[in-house]
Amino acid sequence: MITAADIGATAPVIQVRVGPEGVFVEDSGAAGRFCGLGSDIDGFYRRIGDSD
């Protein structure tokens, strides 16, 4: 569980921009800051395969 004390005075900002080709994510280090496994979610994501 993440508490207000964990977040501190500067809350992380995760930007998600959605477009016709996919989604671009900028996490400004938020995932690495709070994920014990050091995940990085920055990048471009697009759907692969059918939309069914």
PDB file of N, CA and C in Angstrom:
ATOM      1  N   MET A   1       0.842  -1.172   0.000  1.00  0.00           N
ATOM      2  CA  MET A   1       0.000   0.000   0.000  1.00  0.00           C
ATOM      3  C   MET A   1       0.892   1.241   0.000  1.00  0.00           C
ATOM      4  N   ILE A   2       0.584   2.184  -0.842  1.00  0.00           N
ATOM      5  CA  ILE A   2       1.313   3.448  -0.903  1.00  0.00           C
ATOM      6  C   ILE A   2       0.543   4.482  -0.099  1.00  0.00           C
ATOM      7  N   THR A   3       1.237   5.186   0.764  1.00  0.00           N
ATOM      8  CA  THR A   3       0.606   6.206   1.601  1.00  0.00           C
ATOM      9  C   THR A   3       1.008   7.598   1.107  1.00  0.00           C
ATOM     10  N   ALA A   4       0.358   8.613   1.661  1.00  0.00           N
ATOM     11  CA  ALA A   4       0.701   9.996   1.323  1.00  0.00           C
ATOM     12  C   ALA A   4       2.155  10.289   1.678  1.00  0.00           C
ATOM     13  N   ALA A   5       2.655   9.691   2.759  1.00  0.00           N
ATOM     14  CA  ALA A   5       4.049   9.886   3.152  1.00  0.00           C
ATOM     15  C   ALA A   5       5.003   9.310   2.103  1.00  0.00           C
ATOM     16  N   ASP A   6       4.635   8.195   1.474  1.00  0.00           N
ATOM     17  CA  ASP A   6       5.450   7.603   0.414  1.00  0.00           C
ATOM     18  C   ASP A   6       5.529   8.528  -0.799  1.00  0.00           C
ATOM     19  N   ILE A   7       4.437   9.162  -1.114  1.00  0.00           N
ATOM     20  CA  ILE A   7       4.366  10.032  -2.293  1.00  0.00           C
ATOM     21  C   ILE A   7       5.148  11.315  -2.076  1.00  0.00           C
ATOM     22  N   GLY A   8       5.031  11.896  -0.893  1.00  0.00           N
ATOM     23  CA  GLY A   8       5.754  13.124  -0.580  1.00  0.00           C
ATOM     24  C   GLY A   8       5.087  14.350  -1.163  1.00  0.00           C
ATOM     25  N   ALA A   9       5.851  15.435  -1.170  1.00  0.00           N
ATOM     26  CA  ALA A   9       5.302  16.724  -1.604  1.00  0.00           C
ATOM     27  C   ALA A   9       5.072  16.788  -3.107  1.00  0.00           C
ATOM     28  N   THR A  10       5.852  16.058  -3.869  1.00  0.00           N
ATOM     29  CA  THR A  10       5.692  16.081  -5.327  1.00  0.00           C
ATOM     30  C   THR A  10       5.141  14.755  -5.818  1.00  0.00           C
ATOM     31  N   ALA A  11       3.873  14.759  -6.105  1.00  0.00           N
ATOM     32  CA  ALA A  11       3.215  13.549  -6.611  1.00  0.00           C
ATOM     33  C   ALA A  11       3.713  13.250  -8.020  1.00  0.00           C
ATOM     34  N   PRO A  12       3.904  11.968  -8.338  1.00  0.00           N
ATOM     35  CA  PRO A  12       4.334  11.614  -9.691  1.00  0.00           C
ATOM     36  C   PRO A  12       3.216  11.855 -10.699  1.00  0.00           C
ATOM     37  N   VAL A  13       3.609  12.147 -11.913  1.00  0.00           N
ATOM     38  CA  VAL A  13       2.645  12.384 -12.984  1.00  0.00           C
ATOM     39  C   VAL A  13       2.898  11.358 -14.079  1.00  0.00           C
ATOM     40  N   ILE A  14       1.851  10.655 -14.459  1.00  0.00           N
ATOM     41  CA  ILE A  14       1.940   9.717 -15.568  1.00  0.00           C
ATOM     42  C   ILE A  14       1.083  10.275 -16.698  1.00  0.00           C
ATOM     43  N   GLN A  15       1.712  10.557 -17.826  1.00  0.00           N
ATOM     44  CA  GLN A  15       0.993  11.085 -18.979  1.00  0.00           C
ATOM     45  C   GLN A  15       0.701   9.955 -19.952  1.00  0.00           C
ATOM     46  N   VAL A  16      -0.548   9.891 -20.383  1.00  0.00           N
ATOM     47  CA  VAL A  16      -0.977   8.897 -21.370  1.00  0.00           C
ATOM     48  C   VAL A  16      -1.640   9.651 -22.517  1.00  0.00           C
ATOM     49  N   ARG A  17      -1.026   9.563 -23.697  1.00  0.00           N
ATOM     50  CA  ARG A  17      -1.585  10.220 -24.879  1.00  0.00           C
ATOM     51  C   ARG A  17      -2.075   9.143 -25.833  1.00  0.00           C
ATOM     52  N   VAL A  18      -3.357   9.232 -26.160  1.00  0.00           N
ATOM     53  CA  VAL A  18      -3.986   8.228 -27.012  1.00  0.00           C
ATOM     54  C   VAL A  18      -4.189   8.818 -28.407  1.00  0.00           C
ATOM     55  N   GLY A  19      -3.765   8.062 -29.397  1.00  0.00           N
ATOM     56  CA  GLY A  19      -3.931   8.478 -30.781  1.00  0.00           C
ATOM     57  C   GLY A  19      -4.414   7.317 -31.621  1.00  0.00           C
ATOM     58  N   PRO A  20      -4.621   7.550 -32.898  1.00  0.00           N
ATOM     59  CA  PRO A  20      -5.154   6.499 -33.777  1.00  0.00           C
ATOM     60  C   PRO A  20      -4.199   5.313 -33.956  1.00  0.00           C
ATOM     61  N   GLU A  21      -2.917   5.535 -33.777  1.00  0.00           N
ATOM     62  CA  GLU A  21      -1.933   4.465 -33.974  1.00  0.00           C
ATOM     63  C   GLU A  21      -1.627   3.690 -32.692  1.00  0.00           C
ATOM     64  N   GLY A  22      -1.959   4.262 -31.532  1.00  0.00           N
ATOM     65  CA  GLY A  22      -1.655   3.601 -30.266  1.00  0.00           C
ATOM     66  C   GLY A  22      -1.599   4.592 -29.122  1.00  0.00           C
ATOM     67  N   VAL A  23      -0.858   4.227 -28.087  1.00  0.00           N
ATOM     68  CA  VAL A  23      -0.791   5.021 -26.865  1.00  0.00           C
ATOM     69  C   VAL A  23       0.672   5.277 -26.511  1.00  0.00           C
ATOM     70  N   PHE A  24       0.992   6.522 -26.149  1.00  0.00           N
ATOM     71  CA  PHE A  24       2.334   6.867 -25.709  1.00  0.00           C
ATOM     72  C   PHE A  24       2.273   7.181 -24.224  1.00  0.00           C
ATOM     73  N   VAL A  25       3.132   6.534 -23.435  1.00  0.00           N
ATOM     74  CA  VAL A  25       3.130   6.690 -21.983  1.00  0.00           C
ATOM     75  C   VAL A  25       4.463   7.276 -21.527  1.00  0.00           C
ATOM     76  N   GLU A  26       4.385   8.319 -20.698  1.00  0.00           N
ATOM     77  CA  GLU A  26       5.550   8.889 -20.026  1.00  0.00           C
ATOM     78  C   GLU A  26       5.243   8.858 -18.534  1.00  0.00           C
ATOM     79  N   ASP A  27       6.043   8.126 -17.769  1.00  0.00           N
ATOM     80  CA  ASP A  27       5.733   8.008 -16.338  1.00  0.00           C
ATOM     81  C   ASP A  27       6.627   8.857 -15.438  1.00  0.00           C
ATOM     82  N   SER A  28       7.579   9.588 -16.005  1.00  0.00           N
ATOM     83  CA  SER A  28       8.450  10.485 -15.241  1.00  0.00           C
ATOM     84  C   SER A  28       9.088   9.803 -14.040  1.00  0.00           C
ATOM     85  N   GLY A  29       9.392   8.521 -14.177  1.00  0.00           N
ATOM     86  CA  GLY A  29      10.038   7.784 -13.104  1.00  0.00           C
ATOM     87  C   GLY A  29       9.110   7.234 -12.039  1.00  0.00           C
ATOM     88  N   ALA A  30       7.801   7.420 -12.192  1.00  0.00           N
ATOM     89  CA  ALA A  30       6.849   6.973 -11.173  1.00  0.00           C
ATOM     90  C   ALA A  30       6.870   5.463 -10.986  1.00  0.00           C
ATOM     91  N   ALA A  31       6.929   4.714 -12.063  1.00  0.00           N
ATOM     92  CA  ALA A  31       6.910   3.253 -11.943  1.00  0.00           C
ATOM     93  C   ALA A  31       8.156   2.761 -11.221  1.00  0.00           C
ATOM     94  N   GLY A  32       9.311   3.289 -11.583  1.00  0.00           N
ATOM     95  CA  GLY A  32      10.545   2.897 -10.927  1.00  0.00           C
ATOM     96  C   GLY A  32      10.588   3.304  -9.464  1.00  0.00           C
ATOM     97  N   ARG A  33       9.936   4.406  -9.151  1.00  0.00           N
ATOM     98  CA  ARG A  33       9.908   4.925  -7.778  1.00  0.00           C
ATOM     99  C   ARG A  33       9.065   4.050  -6.858  1.00  0.00           C
ATOM    100  N   PHE A  34       7.981   3.500  -7.374  1.00  0.00           N
ATOM    101  CA  PHE A  34       7.045   2.769  -6.524  1.00  0.00           C
ATOM    102  C   PHE A  34       6.989   1.274  -6.785  1.00  0.00           C
ATOM    103  N   CYS A  35       7.597   0.794  -7.858  1.00  0.00           N
ATOM    104  CA  CYS A  35       7.563  -0.629  -8.174  1.00  0.00           C
ATOM    105  C   CYS A  35       8.806  -1.305  -7.615  1.00  0.00           C
ATOM    106  N   GLY A  36       8.614  -2.284  -6.777  1.00  0.00           N
ATOM    107  CA  GLY A  36       9.727  -3.005  -6.180  1.00  0.00           C
ATOM    108  C   GLY A  36      10.562  -3.778  -7.183  1.00  0.00           C
ATOM    109  N   LEU A  37       9.998  -4.037  -8.355  1.00  0.00           N
ATOM    110  CA  LEU A  37      10.728  -4.766  -9.392  1.00  0.00           C
ATOM    111  C   LEU A  37      11.413  -3.837 -10.389  1.00  0.00           C
ATOM    112  N   GLY A  38      11.251  -2.535 -10.197  1.00  0.00           N
ATOM    113  CA  GLY A  38      11.900  -1.572 -11.078  1.00  0.00           C
ATOM    114  C   GLY A  38      11.305  -1.495 -12.468  1.00  0.00           C
ATOM    115  N   SER A  39      10.016  -1.693 -12.585  1.00  0.00           N
ATOM    116  CA  SER A  39       9.362  -1.649 -13.896  1.00  0.00           C
ATOM    117  C   SER A  39       9.519  -0.283 -14.561  1.00  0.00           C
ATOM    118  N   ASP A  40       9.489  -0.286 -15.866  1.00  0.00           N
ATOM    119  CA  ASP A  40       9.532   0.930 -16.663  1.00  0.00           C
ATOM    120  C   ASP A  40       8.391   0.840 -17.662  1.00  0.00           C
ATOM    121  N   ILE A  41       7.462   1.767 -17.587  1.00  0.00           N
ATOM    122  CA  ILE A  41       6.306   1.706 -18.488  1.00  0.00           C
ATOM    123  C   ILE A  41       6.355   2.764 -19.579  1.00  0.00           C
ATOM    124  N   ASP A  42       7.436   3.560 -19.619  1.00  0.00           N
ATOM    125  CA  ASP A  42       7.579   4.552 -20.683  1.00  0.00           C
ATOM    126  C   ASP A  42       7.582   3.871 -22.040  1.00  0.00           C
ATOM    127  N   GLY A  43       6.956   4.515 -22.995  1.00  0.00           N
ATOM    128  CA  GLY A  43       7.045   4.005 -24.353  1.00  0.00           C
ATOM    129  C   GLY A  43       5.759   4.096 -25.136  1.00  0.00           C
ATOM    130  N   PHE A  44       5.810   3.533 -26.327  1.00  0.00           N
ATOM    131  CA  PHE A  44       4.675   3.521 -27.243  1.00  0.00           C
ATOM    132  C   PHE A  44       4.056   2.133 -27.231  1.00  0.00           C
ATOM    133  N   TYR A  45       2.759   2.087 -27.116  1.00  0.00           N
ATOM    134  CA  TYR A  45       2.036   0.815 -27.094  1.00  0.00           C
ATOM    135  C   TYR A  45       1.005   0.820 -28.211  1.00  0.00           C
ATOM    136  N   ARG A  46       0.919  -0.299 -28.903  1.00  0.00           N
ATOM    137  CA  ARG A  46      -0.102  -0.431 -29.946  1.00  0.00           C
ATOM    138  C   ARG A  46      -0.729  -1.807 -29.839  1.00  0.00           C
ATOM    139  N   ARG A  47      -1.947  -1.884 -30.290  1.00  0.00           N
ATOM    140  CA  ARG A  47      -2.671  -3.155 -30.280  1.00  0.00           C
ATOM    141  C   ARG A  47      -2.095  -4.075 -31.334  1.00  0.00           C
ATOM    142  N   ILE A  48      -1.959  -5.337 -30.962  1.00  0.00           N
ATOM    143  CA  ILE A  48      -1.507  -6.359 -31.892  1.00  0.00           C
ATOM    144  C   ILE A  48      -2.604  -7.401 -32.018  1.00  0.00           C
ATOM    145  N   GLY A  49      -2.963  -7.752 -33.216  1.00  0.00           N
ATOM    146  CA  GLY A  49      -3.988  -8.765 -33.429  1.00  0.00           C
ATOM    147  C   GLY A  49      -5.366  -8.169 -33.624  1.00  0.00           C
ATOM    148  N   ASP A  50      -6.355  -9.049 -33.559  1.00  0.00           N
ATOM    149  CA  ASP A  50      -7.743  -8.635 -33.772  1.00  0.00           C
ATOM    150  C   ASP A  50      -8.269  -7.837 -32.622  1.00  0.00           C
ATOM    151  N   SER A  51      -9.275  -7.023 -32.884  1.00  0.00           N
ATOM    152  CA  SER A  51      -9.905  -6.222 -31.843  1.00  0.00           C
ATOM    153  C   SER A  51     -11.066  -6.952 -31.201  1.00  0.00           C
ATOM    154  N   ASP A  52     -11.250  -8.232 -31.519  1.00  0.00           N
ATOM    155  CA  ASP A  52     -12.380  -9.015 -30.957  1.00  0.00           C
ATOM    156  C   ASP A  52     -12.170  -9.295 -29.499  1.00  0.00           C
TER     157      ASP A  52
END
